[in-house]
Amino acid sequence: MRGFETGHTVVRRDVHCGGRVWSAQALRVVADTSAALVTACAPGAEARWPALYAKARNGGERSARTEAFDAMAAGQWELMPGVWQETELLLWKPPTAWFSINAFYTPAGMRNWYVNFEHPTRRTPYGFDTFDLAVDLVVDPDLSRWQWKDEDEYRHVRQLGIITDTEHQAVDAARAEALAMIEDRTGPFAEAAAWTSWRWDPAWPAPRLPQPAPAEQTN
């Protein structure tokens, strides 16, 4: 499949193992190379999320996030329109890695790095599919400190069977790989100064989901 051109709108979809789409996010391509697909979004970017997940995002209710995972395990959710808010995002995703490296920005500058553990990508005509594996690593902008995030949710989805033993082993290996990248300053961390100074191109409108929207069932 041909690479995506800079400025092109693509859709990241999180696809559960049953083939149902859990979420869809419109992104704009910054660069597409053999090493990684780099995309970005800004406030106003269109998305589709499960209703319970949207409730958790809007209200910050941890209980709603737990309910959302329970709904995922039961296969009982419907998607609703959403809009990315508050931060700009730059996302680096190698095709075979079990994580992506993200950076979040506020008007004051880079807020933090964020390693999101997820499936390797599968390219689609619209963009790419992956699947978020719950646990994350939050890193200070200057790479001096880091901490794990959502370990409790990771344990919960493991108990629900959403994350298999094989996926768990892949996440363990990816944790070590991500920490080594921080320590060795490789990947985006080798260009930390450029990433810290990055800003959304004001000539780019916030990305919108294509119409008709990508199918919510992949098989």
N, C-alpha and C. Protein backbone atom coordinates (compact mmCIF):
# COMPACT_ATOMS: atom_id res chain seq x y z
N MET A 1 0.85 -1.20 0.00
CA MET A 1 0.00 0.00 0.00
C MET A 1 0.89 1.25 0.00
N ARG A 2 0.55 2.21 -0.82
CA ARG A 2 1.35 3.43 -0.93
C ARG A 2 1.32 4.22 0.36
N GLY A 3 2.40 4.99 0.59
CA GLY A 3 2.44 5.82 1.77
C GLY A 3 1.51 7.01 1.65
N PHE A 4 1.25 7.65 2.79
CA PHE A 4 0.36 8.80 2.84
C PHE A 4 1.17 10.08 2.67
N GLU A 5 0.62 11.03 1.95
CA GLU A 5 1.30 12.29 1.72
C GLU A 5 1.15 13.22 2.93
N THR A 6 2.16 14.05 3.13
CA THR A 6 2.12 15.04 4.21
C THR A 6 0.89 15.94 4.04
N GLY A 7 0.17 16.15 5.15
CA GLY A 7 -1.03 16.96 5.14
C GLY A 7 -2.30 16.17 4.89
N HIS A 8 -2.16 14.91 4.45
CA HIS A 8 -3.32 14.07 4.17
C HIS A 8 -4.01 13.70 5.47
N THR A 9 -5.34 13.64 5.46
CA THR A 9 -6.10 13.20 6.62
C THR A 9 -6.18 11.68 6.62
N VAL A 10 -5.85 11.07 7.77
CA VAL A 10 -5.98 9.63 7.94
C VAL A 10 -6.81 9.36 9.21
N VAL A 11 -7.28 8.13 9.33
CA VAL A 11 -8.09 7.74 10.47
C VAL A 11 -7.38 6.62 11.22
N ARG A 12 -7.13 6.86 12.50
CA ARG A 12 -6.66 5.80 13.40
C ARG A 12 -7.89 5.14 14.00
N ARG A 13 -8.00 3.82 13.86
CA ARG A 13 -9.10 3.09 14.48
C ARG A 13 -8.53 2.10 15.49
N ASP A 14 -9.14 2.02 16.66
CA ASP A 14 -8.85 0.96 17.61
C ASP A 14 -9.87 -0.14 17.36
N VAL A 15 -9.38 -1.32 17.01
CA VAL A 15 -10.25 -2.43 16.62
C VAL A 15 -10.09 -3.57 17.60
N HIS A 16 -11.20 -3.94 18.25
CA HIS A 16 -11.21 -5.04 19.20
C HIS A 16 -11.03 -6.36 18.45
N CYS A 17 -10.60 -7.40 19.17
CA CYS A 17 -10.27 -8.67 18.52
C CYS A 17 -11.45 -9.28 17.77
N GLY A 18 -12.67 -8.93 18.14
CA GLY A 18 -13.84 -9.44 17.43
C GLY A 18 -14.08 -8.74 16.10
N GLY A 19 -13.27 -7.73 15.78
CA GLY A 19 -13.40 -7.04 14.51
C GLY A 19 -14.25 -5.79 14.57
N ARG A 20 -14.73 -5.43 15.79
CA ARG A 20 -15.53 -4.21 15.93
C ARG A 20 -14.64 -3.02 16.25
N VAL A 21 -15.00 -1.88 15.67
CA VAL A 21 -14.25 -0.65 15.92
C VAL A 21 -14.64 -0.08 17.28
N TRP A 22 -13.64 0.16 18.11
CA TRP A 22 -13.86 0.73 19.44
C TRP A 22 -13.80 2.25 19.40
N SER A 23 -12.94 2.79 18.53
CA SER A 23 -12.84 4.24 18.40
C SER A 23 -12.24 4.58 17.05
N ALA A 24 -12.45 5.81 16.63
CA ALA A 24 -11.87 6.31 15.39
C ALA A 24 -11.48 7.77 15.60
N GLN A 25 -10.28 8.14 15.19
CA GLN A 25 -9.77 9.49 15.39
C GLN A 25 -9.17 10.01 14.09
N ALA A 26 -9.61 11.20 13.67
CA ALA A 26 -9.05 11.83 12.48
C ALA A 26 -7.72 12.48 12.83
N LEU A 27 -6.71 12.22 12.00
CA LEU A 27 -5.36 12.75 12.20
C LEU A 27 -4.86 13.32 10.87
N ARG A 28 -3.83 14.13 10.95
CA ARG A 28 -3.22 14.66 9.73
C ARG A 28 -1.77 14.17 9.66
N VAL A 29 -1.35 13.75 8.47
CA VAL A 29 -0.03 13.15 8.30
C VAL A 29 1.05 14.24 8.33
N VAL A 30 2.05 14.03 9.18
CA VAL A 30 3.24 14.89 9.22
C VAL A 30 4.34 14.29 8.36
N ALA A 31 4.54 12.98 8.46
CA ALA A 31 5.54 12.29 7.65
C ALA A 31 5.19 10.81 7.62
N ASP A 32 5.50 10.14 6.52
CA ASP A 32 5.27 8.71 6.39
C ASP A 32 6.50 8.09 5.74
N THR A 33 7.30 7.39 6.56
CA THR A 33 8.53 6.77 6.09
C THR A 33 8.52 5.29 6.46
N SER A 34 9.54 4.57 6.03
CA SER A 34 9.64 3.16 6.39
C SER A 34 9.84 2.98 7.88
N ALA A 35 10.38 4.00 8.55
CA ALA A 35 10.65 3.91 9.99
C ALA A 35 9.38 4.09 10.82
N ALA A 36 8.53 5.04 10.42
CA ALA A 36 7.35 5.34 11.24
C ALA A 36 6.38 6.23 10.46
N LEU A 37 5.12 6.12 10.84
CA LEU A 37 4.11 7.06 10.40
C LEU A 37 3.95 8.11 11.50
N VAL A 38 4.14 9.38 11.16
CA VAL A 38 4.01 10.47 12.12
C VAL A 38 2.76 11.26 11.76
N THR A 39 1.84 11.36 12.72
CA THR A 39 0.58 12.06 12.50
C THR A 39 0.35 13.05 13.63
N ALA A 40 -0.66 13.90 13.46
CA ALA A 40 -0.94 14.93 14.46
C ALA A 40 -2.42 15.25 14.45
N CYS A 41 -2.88 15.80 15.55
CA CYS A 41 -4.23 16.37 15.58
C CYS A 41 -4.24 17.58 16.51
N ALA A 42 -5.32 18.33 16.43
CA ALA A 42 -5.46 19.56 17.19
C ALA A 42 -6.90 19.67 17.67
N PRO A 43 -7.17 20.55 18.62
CA PRO A 43 -8.55 20.73 19.08
C PRO A 43 -9.49 20.95 17.90
N GLY A 44 -10.62 20.25 17.95
CA GLY A 44 -11.59 20.31 16.87
C GLY A 44 -11.55 19.12 15.95
N ALA A 45 -10.51 18.28 16.05
CA ALA A 45 -10.42 17.09 15.22
C ALA A 45 -11.57 16.14 15.55
N GLU A 46 -12.16 15.57 14.52
CA GLU A 46 -13.33 14.72 14.71
C GLU A 46 -12.93 13.32 15.16
N ALA A 47 -13.81 12.69 15.93
CA ALA A 47 -13.59 11.34 16.43
C ALA A 47 -14.93 10.64 16.60
N ARG A 48 -14.87 9.34 16.83
CA ARG A 48 -16.03 8.56 17.26
C ARG A 48 -15.57 7.68 18.41
N TRP A 49 -16.33 7.74 19.53
CA TRP A 49 -15.98 7.01 20.74
C TRP A 49 -17.20 6.30 21.30
N PRO A 50 -16.99 5.23 22.08
CA PRO A 50 -18.11 4.64 22.82
C PRO A 50 -18.69 5.67 23.80
N ALA A 51 -19.99 5.61 24.02
CA ALA A 51 -20.65 6.61 24.87
C ALA A 51 -20.05 6.65 26.27
N LEU A 52 -19.79 5.48 26.87
CA LEU A 52 -19.24 5.46 28.22
C LEU A 52 -17.83 6.05 28.25
N TYR A 53 -17.05 5.79 27.21
CA TYR A 53 -15.71 6.36 27.14
C TYR A 53 -15.78 7.88 27.02
N ALA A 54 -16.73 8.36 26.21
CA ALA A 54 -16.92 9.80 26.06
C ALA A 54 -17.31 10.42 27.41
N LYS A 55 -18.14 9.73 28.16
CA LYS A 55 -18.53 10.21 29.49
C LYS A 55 -17.31 10.32 30.40
N ALA A 56 -16.44 9.34 30.34
CA ALA A 56 -15.24 9.36 31.17
C ALA A 56 -14.31 10.50 30.76
N ARG A 57 -14.17 10.75 29.46
CA ARG A 57 -13.32 11.84 28.98
C ARG A 57 -13.85 13.19 29.41
N ASN A 58 -15.17 13.36 29.30
CA ASN A 58 -15.77 14.66 29.58
C ASN A 58 -15.85 14.96 31.07
N GLY A 59 -16.11 13.90 31.86
CA GLY A 59 -16.31 14.12 33.29
C GLY A 59 -15.17 13.66 34.17
N GLY A 60 -14.21 12.96 33.58
CA GLY A 60 -13.09 12.47 34.37
C GLY A 60 -13.47 11.39 35.36
N GLU A 61 -14.57 10.65 35.11
CA GLU A 61 -15.03 9.63 36.04
C GLU A 61 -14.34 8.31 35.76
N ARG A 62 -13.53 7.84 36.72
CA ARG A 62 -12.83 6.58 36.54
C ARG A 62 -13.81 5.42 36.47
N SER A 63 -14.92 5.52 37.20
CA SER A 63 -15.91 4.44 37.17
C SER A 63 -16.48 4.25 35.78
N ALA A 64 -16.64 5.34 35.04
CA ALA A 64 -17.16 5.25 33.68
C ALA A 64 -16.16 4.54 32.78
N ARG A 65 -14.87 4.74 33.00
CA ARG A 65 -13.87 4.03 32.22
C ARG A 65 -13.94 2.53 32.50
N THR A 66 -14.13 2.16 33.77
CA THR A 66 -14.26 0.74 34.11
C THR A 66 -15.49 0.14 33.43
N GLU A 67 -16.61 0.88 33.46
CA GLU A 67 -17.82 0.42 32.78
C GLU A 67 -17.59 0.26 31.29
N ALA A 68 -16.80 1.16 30.72
CA ALA A 68 -16.53 1.08 29.28
C ALA A 68 -15.76 -0.20 28.96
N PHE A 69 -14.80 -0.57 29.78
CA PHE A 69 -14.06 -1.82 29.55
C PHE A 69 -14.97 -3.03 29.73
N ASP A 70 -15.87 -2.97 30.71
CA ASP A 70 -16.83 -4.06 30.89
C ASP A 70 -17.70 -4.22 29.65
N ALA A 71 -18.12 -3.08 29.07
CA ALA A 71 -18.93 -3.11 27.84
C ALA A 71 -18.12 -3.70 26.69
N MET A 72 -16.83 -3.36 26.62
CA MET A 72 -15.98 -3.91 25.58
C MET A 72 -15.91 -5.44 25.69
N ALA A 73 -15.70 -5.93 26.91
CA ALA A 73 -15.59 -7.37 27.12
C ALA A 73 -16.89 -8.08 26.73
N ALA A 74 -18.02 -7.40 26.96
CA ALA A 74 -19.33 -7.98 26.63
C ALA A 74 -19.71 -7.78 25.17
N GLY A 75 -18.92 -6.94 24.46
CA GLY A 75 -19.23 -6.65 23.06
C GLY A 75 -20.46 -5.78 22.90
N GLN A 76 -20.74 -4.95 23.91
CA GLN A 76 -21.97 -4.16 23.90
C GLN A 76 -21.63 -2.67 24.00
N TRP A 77 -21.40 -2.07 22.85
CA TRP A 77 -21.17 -0.63 22.82
C TRP A 77 -21.59 -0.07 21.47
N GLU A 78 -21.92 1.20 21.48
CA GLU A 78 -22.24 1.93 20.27
C GLU A 78 -21.37 3.18 20.23
N LEU A 79 -20.97 3.58 19.03
CA LEU A 79 -20.13 4.75 18.90
C LEU A 79 -20.95 6.02 18.75
N MET A 80 -20.38 7.11 19.27
CA MET A 80 -21.02 8.41 19.16
C MET A 80 -19.98 9.43 18.69
N PRO A 81 -20.41 10.52 18.08
CA PRO A 81 -19.44 11.53 17.62
C PRO A 81 -18.68 12.15 18.79
N GLY A 82 -17.42 12.45 18.57
CA GLY A 82 -16.59 13.12 19.56
C GLY A 82 -15.70 14.16 18.90
N VAL A 83 -15.10 15.00 19.71
CA VAL A 83 -14.20 16.04 19.22
C VAL A 83 -12.97 16.10 20.13
N TRP A 84 -11.80 16.04 19.53
CA TRP A 84 -10.56 16.20 20.31
C TRP A 84 -10.52 17.61 20.90
N GLN A 85 -10.12 17.70 22.16
CA GLN A 85 -10.15 18.99 22.85
C GLN A 85 -8.83 19.26 23.56
N GLU A 86 -8.59 20.53 23.80
CA GLU A 86 -7.59 21.05 24.74
C GLU A 86 -6.13 20.98 24.27
N THR A 87 -5.67 19.83 23.78
CA THR A 87 -4.24 19.70 23.47
C THR A 87 -4.01 19.44 21.98
N GLU A 88 -2.81 19.80 21.53
CA GLU A 88 -2.31 19.34 20.25
C GLU A 88 -1.53 18.04 20.50
N LEU A 89 -1.50 17.19 19.50
CA LEU A 89 -0.90 15.87 19.64
C LEU A 89 0.00 15.58 18.44
N LEU A 90 1.19 15.06 18.72
CA LEU A 90 2.09 14.55 17.69
C LEU A 90 2.35 13.09 18.02
N LEU A 91 2.17 12.20 17.03
CA LEU A 91 2.17 10.75 17.27
C LEU A 91 3.14 10.06 16.32
N TRP A 92 4.05 9.26 16.87
CA TRP A 92 5.06 8.51 16.12
C TRP A 92 4.78 7.03 16.27
N LYS A 93 4.49 6.34 15.16
CA LYS A 93 4.09 4.94 15.23
C LYS A 93 4.86 4.10 14.23
N PRO A 94 5.87 3.33 14.69
CA PRO A 94 6.53 2.37 13.81
C PRO A 94 5.55 1.24 13.46
N PRO A 95 5.66 0.65 12.29
CA PRO A 95 4.64 -0.31 11.86
C PRO A 95 4.57 -1.58 12.69
N THR A 96 5.70 -2.05 13.24
CA THR A 96 5.69 -3.34 13.94
C THR A 96 5.78 -3.20 15.46
N ALA A 97 5.87 -1.98 15.97
CA ALA A 97 6.04 -1.78 17.41
C ALA A 97 4.73 -1.98 18.16
N TRP A 98 4.85 -2.45 19.40
CA TRP A 98 3.67 -2.61 20.27
C TRP A 98 3.46 -1.35 21.11
N PHE A 99 3.81 -0.22 20.57
CA PHE A 99 3.57 1.06 21.25
C PHE A 99 3.68 2.16 20.21
N SER A 100 3.15 3.32 20.58
CA SER A 100 3.42 4.56 19.84
C SER A 100 3.98 5.55 20.83
N ILE A 101 4.75 6.51 20.31
CA ILE A 101 5.29 7.58 21.15
C ILE A 101 4.57 8.86 20.76
N ASN A 102 3.96 9.50 21.75
CA ASN A 102 3.14 10.68 21.53
C ASN A 102 3.70 11.85 22.33
N ALA A 103 3.40 13.05 21.87
CA ALA A 103 3.73 14.25 22.63
C ALA A 103 2.48 15.13 22.66
N PHE A 104 2.16 15.65 23.83
CA PHE A 104 0.99 16.52 24.01
C PHE A 104 1.47 17.94 24.27
N TYR A 105 0.72 18.88 23.69
CA TYR A 105 1.11 20.30 23.76
C TYR A 105 -0.07 21.15 24.19
N THR A 106 0.22 22.13 25.04
CA THR A 106 -0.72 23.17 25.41
C THR A 106 -0.16 24.50 24.87
N PRO A 107 -0.90 25.60 24.99
CA PRO A 107 -0.33 26.88 24.54
C PRO A 107 1.01 27.23 25.19
N ALA A 108 1.28 26.65 26.36
CA ALA A 108 2.55 26.92 27.05
C ALA A 108 3.71 26.10 26.51
N GLY A 109 3.42 25.11 25.64
CA GLY A 109 4.48 24.27 25.10
C GLY A 109 4.19 22.80 25.33
N MET A 110 5.23 21.96 25.16
CA MET A 110 5.04 20.53 25.37
C MET A 110 4.66 20.25 26.82
N ARG A 111 3.57 19.52 26.99
CA ARG A 111 3.14 19.13 28.34
C ARG A 111 3.86 17.89 28.82
N ASN A 112 3.95 16.89 27.94
CA ASN A 112 4.61 15.64 28.29
C ASN A 112 4.72 14.74 27.07
N TRP A 113 5.66 13.79 27.15
CA TRP A 113 5.68 12.63 26.26
C TRP A 113 4.73 11.58 26.82
N TYR A 114 4.27 10.70 25.93
CA TYR A 114 3.29 9.70 26.36
C TYR A 114 3.49 8.46 25.49
N VAL A 115 3.93 7.38 26.11
CA VAL A 115 4.09 6.12 25.38
C VAL A 115 2.82 5.31 25.55
N ASN A 116 2.13 5.07 24.45
CA ASN A 116 0.85 4.37 24.45
C ASN A 116 1.10 2.94 23.95
N PHE A 117 0.84 1.96 24.80
CA PHE A 117 1.07 0.57 24.40
C PHE A 117 -0.15 0.06 23.64
N GLU A 118 0.10 -0.52 22.46
CA GLU A 118 -0.97 -0.83 21.52
C GLU A 118 -0.47 -1.84 20.49
N HIS A 119 -1.39 -2.37 19.72
CA HIS A 119 -1.03 -3.34 18.68
C HIS A 119 -0.17 -2.69 17.59
N PRO A 120 0.65 -3.49 16.90
CA PRO A 120 1.27 -3.01 15.65
C PRO A 120 0.18 -2.57 14.68
N THR A 121 0.53 -1.71 13.76
CA THR A 121 -0.47 -1.15 12.86
C THR A 121 -0.79 -2.09 11.70
N ARG A 122 -2.03 -1.95 11.23
CA ARG A 122 -2.46 -2.57 9.98
C ARG A 122 -2.99 -1.44 9.10
N ARG A 123 -2.31 -1.20 7.99
CA ARG A 123 -2.71 -0.10 7.11
C ARG A 123 -4.08 -0.39 6.49
N THR A 124 -4.87 0.66 6.33
CA THR A 124 -6.15 0.59 5.66
C THR A 124 -6.18 1.69 4.59
N PRO A 125 -7.16 1.66 3.69
CA PRO A 125 -7.27 2.75 2.72
C PRO A 125 -7.46 4.11 3.38
N TYR A 126 -8.04 4.12 4.60
CA TYR A 126 -8.32 5.37 5.30
C TYR A 126 -7.17 5.81 6.19
N GLY A 127 -6.33 4.87 6.64
CA GLY A 127 -5.29 5.21 7.61
C GLY A 127 -4.67 3.96 8.19
N PHE A 128 -4.93 3.69 9.47
CA PHE A 128 -4.38 2.49 10.08
C PHE A 128 -5.24 2.05 11.26
N ASP A 129 -5.20 0.73 11.51
CA ASP A 129 -5.89 0.13 12.64
C ASP A 129 -4.86 -0.34 13.66
N THR A 130 -5.22 -0.24 14.93
CA THR A 130 -4.42 -0.74 16.03
C THR A 130 -5.39 -1.09 17.16
N PHE A 131 -4.89 -1.28 18.37
CA PHE A 131 -5.77 -1.54 19.52
C PHE A 131 -5.03 -1.14 20.78
N ASP A 132 -5.59 -0.20 21.53
CA ASP A 132 -4.99 0.31 22.75
C ASP A 132 -4.99 -0.77 23.83
N LEU A 133 -3.84 -0.95 24.49
CA LEU A 133 -3.68 -2.00 25.49
C LEU A 133 -3.65 -1.46 26.91
N ALA A 134 -4.25 -0.31 27.13
CA ALA A 134 -4.61 0.24 28.45
C ALA A 134 -3.45 0.89 29.21
N VAL A 135 -2.32 0.23 29.35
CA VAL A 135 -1.26 0.80 30.17
C VAL A 135 -0.46 1.82 29.35
N ASP A 136 0.08 2.83 30.03
CA ASP A 136 0.80 3.92 29.37
C ASP A 136 2.00 4.34 30.21
N LEU A 137 2.91 5.06 29.58
CA LEU A 137 4.08 5.60 30.25
C LEU A 137 4.13 7.10 29.99
N VAL A 138 4.12 7.90 31.07
CA VAL A 138 4.13 9.36 30.96
C VAL A 138 5.55 9.85 31.29
N VAL A 139 6.10 10.68 30.40
CA VAL A 139 7.49 11.11 30.52
C VAL A 139 7.56 12.63 30.51
N ASP A 140 8.39 13.19 31.38
CA ASP A 140 8.57 14.64 31.42
C ASP A 140 9.16 15.15 30.09
N PRO A 141 8.87 16.40 29.72
CA PRO A 141 9.40 16.93 28.45
C PRO A 141 10.91 16.81 28.31
N ASP A 142 11.65 16.99 29.42
CA ASP A 142 13.11 16.93 29.34
C ASP A 142 13.65 15.51 29.53
N LEU A 143 12.75 14.52 29.59
CA LEU A 143 13.09 13.10 29.70
C LEU A 143 13.74 12.74 31.04
N SER A 144 13.64 13.62 32.02
CA SER A 144 14.32 13.38 33.29
C SER A 144 13.56 12.43 34.20
N ARG A 145 12.23 12.35 34.05
CA ARG A 145 11.43 11.49 34.92
C ARG A 145 10.33 10.84 34.10
N TRP A 146 9.89 9.68 34.56
CA TRP A 146 8.77 9.00 33.93
C TRP A 146 7.98 8.23 34.98
N GLN A 147 6.72 7.91 34.67
CA GLN A 147 5.91 7.10 35.56
C GLN A 147 4.88 6.31 34.76
N TRP A 148 4.55 5.13 35.26
CA TRP A 148 3.54 4.31 34.62
C TRP A 148 2.15 4.84 34.94
N LYS A 149 1.23 4.68 34.00
CA LYS A 149 -0.13 5.19 34.16
C LYS A 149 -1.12 4.06 33.84
N ASP A 150 -2.21 4.01 34.59
CA ASP A 150 -3.33 3.11 34.35
C ASP A 150 -2.98 1.64 34.53
N GLU A 151 -2.08 1.35 35.46
CA GLU A 151 -1.79 -0.05 35.77
C GLU A 151 -3.03 -0.77 36.30
N ASP A 152 -3.88 -0.04 37.05
CA ASP A 152 -5.10 -0.65 37.57
C ASP A 152 -6.04 -1.06 36.44
N GLU A 153 -6.16 -0.21 35.43
CA GLU A 153 -7.00 -0.54 34.29
C GLU A 153 -6.41 -1.71 33.50
N TYR A 154 -5.10 -1.74 33.41
CA TYR A 154 -4.45 -2.84 32.71
C TYR A 154 -4.77 -4.17 33.39
N ARG A 155 -4.69 -4.19 34.73
CA ARG A 155 -5.03 -5.41 35.46
C ARG A 155 -6.49 -5.79 35.22
N HIS A 156 -7.36 -4.78 35.17
CA HIS A 156 -8.79 -5.05 34.98
C HIS A 156 -9.05 -5.66 33.61
N VAL A 157 -8.47 -5.10 32.57
CA VAL A 157 -8.73 -5.66 31.23
C VAL A 157 -8.07 -7.02 31.07
N ARG A 158 -6.98 -7.27 31.80
CA ARG A 158 -6.41 -8.61 31.81
C ARG A 158 -7.39 -9.60 32.42
N GLN A 159 -8.01 -9.21 33.54
CA GLN A 159 -8.97 -10.09 34.19
C GLN A 159 -10.21 -10.33 33.32
N LEU A 160 -10.58 -9.33 32.54
CA LEU A 160 -11.73 -9.47 31.65
C LEU A 160 -11.42 -10.32 30.42
N GLY A 161 -10.16 -10.59 30.18
CA GLY A 161 -9.77 -11.37 29.00
C GLY A 161 -9.62 -10.54 27.75
N ILE A 162 -9.70 -9.21 27.88
CA ILE A 162 -9.53 -8.33 26.72
C ILE A 162 -8.10 -8.41 26.21
N ILE A 163 -7.14 -8.50 27.13
CA ILE A 163 -5.73 -8.65 26.78
C ILE A 163 -5.32 -10.08 27.09
N THR A 164 -4.85 -10.79 26.09
CA THR A 164 -4.48 -12.19 26.22
C THR A 164 -3.09 -12.32 26.83
N ASP A 165 -2.73 -13.57 27.17
CA ASP A 165 -1.39 -13.82 27.69
C ASP A 165 -0.32 -13.46 26.66
N THR A 166 -0.59 -13.75 25.40
CA THR A 166 0.36 -13.43 24.34
C THR A 166 0.55 -11.91 24.23
N GLU A 167 -0.54 -11.17 24.30
CA GLU A 167 -0.45 -9.71 24.25
C GLU A 167 0.28 -9.18 25.49
N HIS A 168 0.01 -9.78 26.63
CA HIS A 168 0.69 -9.37 27.87
C HIS A 168 2.20 -9.54 27.74
N GLN A 169 2.64 -10.65 27.15
CA GLN A 169 4.06 -10.86 26.95
C GLN A 169 4.64 -9.81 25.99
N ALA A 170 3.87 -9.46 24.96
CA ALA A 170 4.32 -8.44 24.02
C ALA A 170 4.43 -7.08 24.70
N VAL A 171 3.49 -6.77 25.59
CA VAL A 171 3.54 -5.51 26.33
C VAL A 171 4.75 -5.47 27.24
N ASP A 172 5.05 -6.57 27.93
CA ASP A 172 6.22 -6.61 28.79
C ASP A 172 7.50 -6.30 28.00
N ALA A 173 7.61 -6.91 26.81
CA ALA A 173 8.79 -6.66 25.98
C ALA A 173 8.80 -5.21 25.50
N ALA A 174 7.63 -4.68 25.17
CA ALA A 174 7.54 -3.30 24.68
C ALA A 174 7.87 -2.30 25.78
N ARG A 175 7.51 -2.60 27.02
CA ARG A 175 7.87 -1.72 28.14
C ARG A 175 9.39 -1.55 28.19
N ALA A 176 10.10 -2.67 28.13
CA ALA A 176 11.55 -2.62 28.20
C ALA A 176 12.13 -1.86 27.00
N GLU A 177 11.53 -2.08 25.82
CA GLU A 177 12.01 -1.40 24.61
C GLU A 177 11.82 0.11 24.72
N ALA A 178 10.66 0.54 25.22
CA ALA A 178 10.39 1.97 25.35
C ALA A 178 11.33 2.62 26.36
N LEU A 179 11.56 1.96 27.49
CA LEU A 179 12.47 2.52 28.49
C LEU A 179 13.89 2.62 27.94
N ALA A 180 14.30 1.63 27.15
CA ALA A 180 15.63 1.68 26.55
C ALA A 180 15.74 2.84 25.56
N MET A 181 14.66 3.12 24.83
CA MET A 181 14.68 4.25 23.89
C MET A 181 14.85 5.57 24.62
N ILE A 182 14.20 5.69 25.79
CA ILE A 182 14.37 6.92 26.58
C ILE A 182 15.81 7.03 27.08
N GLU A 183 16.30 5.92 27.62
CA GLU A 183 17.66 5.92 28.18
C GLU A 183 18.71 6.20 27.11
N ASP A 184 18.53 5.60 25.93
CA ASP A 184 19.53 5.71 24.86
C ASP A 184 19.28 6.90 23.93
N ARG A 185 18.15 7.60 24.16
CA ARG A 185 17.78 8.74 23.32
C ARG A 185 17.71 8.33 21.83
N THR A 186 16.89 7.31 21.55
CA THR A 186 16.67 6.87 20.19
C THR A 186 15.22 7.16 19.78
N GLY A 187 14.91 6.92 18.49
CA GLY A 187 13.58 7.26 18.00
C GLY A 187 13.32 8.75 18.13
N PRO A 188 12.12 9.16 18.44
CA PRO A 188 11.83 10.59 18.61
C PRO A 188 12.66 11.25 19.70
N PHE A 189 13.08 10.45 20.71
CA PHE A 189 13.85 11.02 21.80
C PHE A 189 15.23 11.50 21.34
N ALA A 190 15.69 11.02 20.19
CA ALA A 190 16.95 11.51 19.62
C ALA A 190 16.78 12.91 19.06
N GLU A 191 15.53 13.30 18.80
CA GLU A 191 15.22 14.63 18.26
C GLU A 191 14.32 15.39 19.23
N ALA A 192 14.64 15.26 20.51
CA ALA A 192 13.77 15.83 21.54
C ALA A 192 13.60 17.34 21.39
N ALA A 193 14.65 18.04 21.00
CA ALA A 193 14.54 19.50 20.87
C ALA A 193 13.55 19.87 19.78
N ALA A 194 13.61 19.18 18.65
CA ALA A 194 12.68 19.46 17.55
C ALA A 194 11.25 19.12 17.95
N TRP A 195 11.08 18.02 18.68
CA TRP A 195 9.73 17.66 19.12
C TRP A 195 9.20 18.66 20.14
N THR A 196 10.07 19.12 21.03
CA THR A 196 9.64 20.08 22.05
C THR A 196 9.15 21.37 21.42
N SER A 197 9.76 21.79 20.32
CA SER A 197 9.40 23.06 19.68
C SER A 197 8.31 22.91 18.62
N TRP A 198 7.86 21.67 18.35
CA TRP A 198 6.84 21.47 17.32
C TRP A 198 5.53 22.15 17.69
N ARG A 199 4.83 22.67 16.68
CA ARG A 199 3.48 23.18 16.87
C ARG A 199 2.64 22.82 15.65
N TRP A 200 1.37 22.69 15.86
CA TRP A 200 0.42 22.42 14.79
C TRP A 200 0.51 23.51 13.72
N ASP A 201 0.52 23.11 12.46
CA ASP A 201 0.58 24.07 11.35
C ASP A 201 -0.75 24.80 11.25
N PRO A 202 -0.78 26.12 11.50
CA PRO A 202 -2.06 26.85 11.48
C PRO A 202 -2.73 26.84 10.11
N ALA A 203 -2.00 26.48 9.06
CA ALA A 203 -2.61 26.39 7.73
C ALA A 203 -3.47 25.14 7.59
N TRP A 204 -3.32 24.20 8.52
CA TRP A 204 -4.10 22.96 8.46
C TRP A 204 -5.38 23.09 9.27
N PRO A 205 -6.53 22.91 8.66
CA PRO A 205 -7.76 22.83 9.46
C PRO A 205 -7.73 21.58 10.32
N ALA A 206 -8.49 21.59 11.40
CA ALA A 206 -8.60 20.38 12.23
C ALA A 206 -9.14 19.24 11.36
N PRO A 207 -8.53 18.06 11.42
CA PRO A 207 -8.95 16.97 10.52
C PRO A 207 -10.35 16.47 10.83
N ARG A 208 -11.06 16.10 9.76
CA ARG A 208 -12.41 15.59 9.88
C ARG A 208 -12.45 14.14 9.40
N LEU A 209 -13.34 13.36 9.97
CA LEU A 209 -13.52 11.99 9.52
C LEU A 209 -14.10 11.98 8.11
N PRO A 210 -13.67 11.06 7.26
CA PRO A 210 -14.21 11.01 5.90
C PRO A 210 -15.68 10.64 5.90
N GLN A 211 -16.36 11.08 4.88
CA GLN A 211 -17.77 10.73 4.68
C GLN A 211 -17.91 10.02 3.34
N PRO A 212 -18.55 8.83 3.31
CA PRO A 212 -19.08 8.14 4.47
C PRO A 212 -17.97 7.66 5.40
N ALA A 213 -18.29 7.52 6.69
CA ALA A 213 -17.30 7.13 7.68
C ALA A 213 -16.82 5.71 7.40
N PRO A 214 -15.56 5.39 7.79
CA PRO A 214 -15.08 4.02 7.68
C PRO A 214 -16.00 3.06 8.43
N ALA A 215 -16.12 1.86 7.93
CA ALA A 215 -17.02 0.87 8.55
C ALA A 215 -16.67 0.63 10.00
N GLU A 216 -17.68 0.38 10.81
CA GLU A 216 -17.45 0.11 12.23
C GLU A 216 -17.31 -1.38 12.50
N GLN A 217 -17.40 -2.19 11.48
CA GLN A 217 -17.14 -3.62 11.58
C GLN A 217 -16.11 -3.96 10.51
N THR A 218 -14.99 -4.59 10.89
CA THR A 218 -13.90 -4.79 9.94
C THR A 218 -13.93 -6.14 9.27
N ASN A 219 -14.79 -7.03 9.70
CA ASN A 219 -14.85 -8.33 9.03
C ASN A 219 -16.26 -8.85 9.00
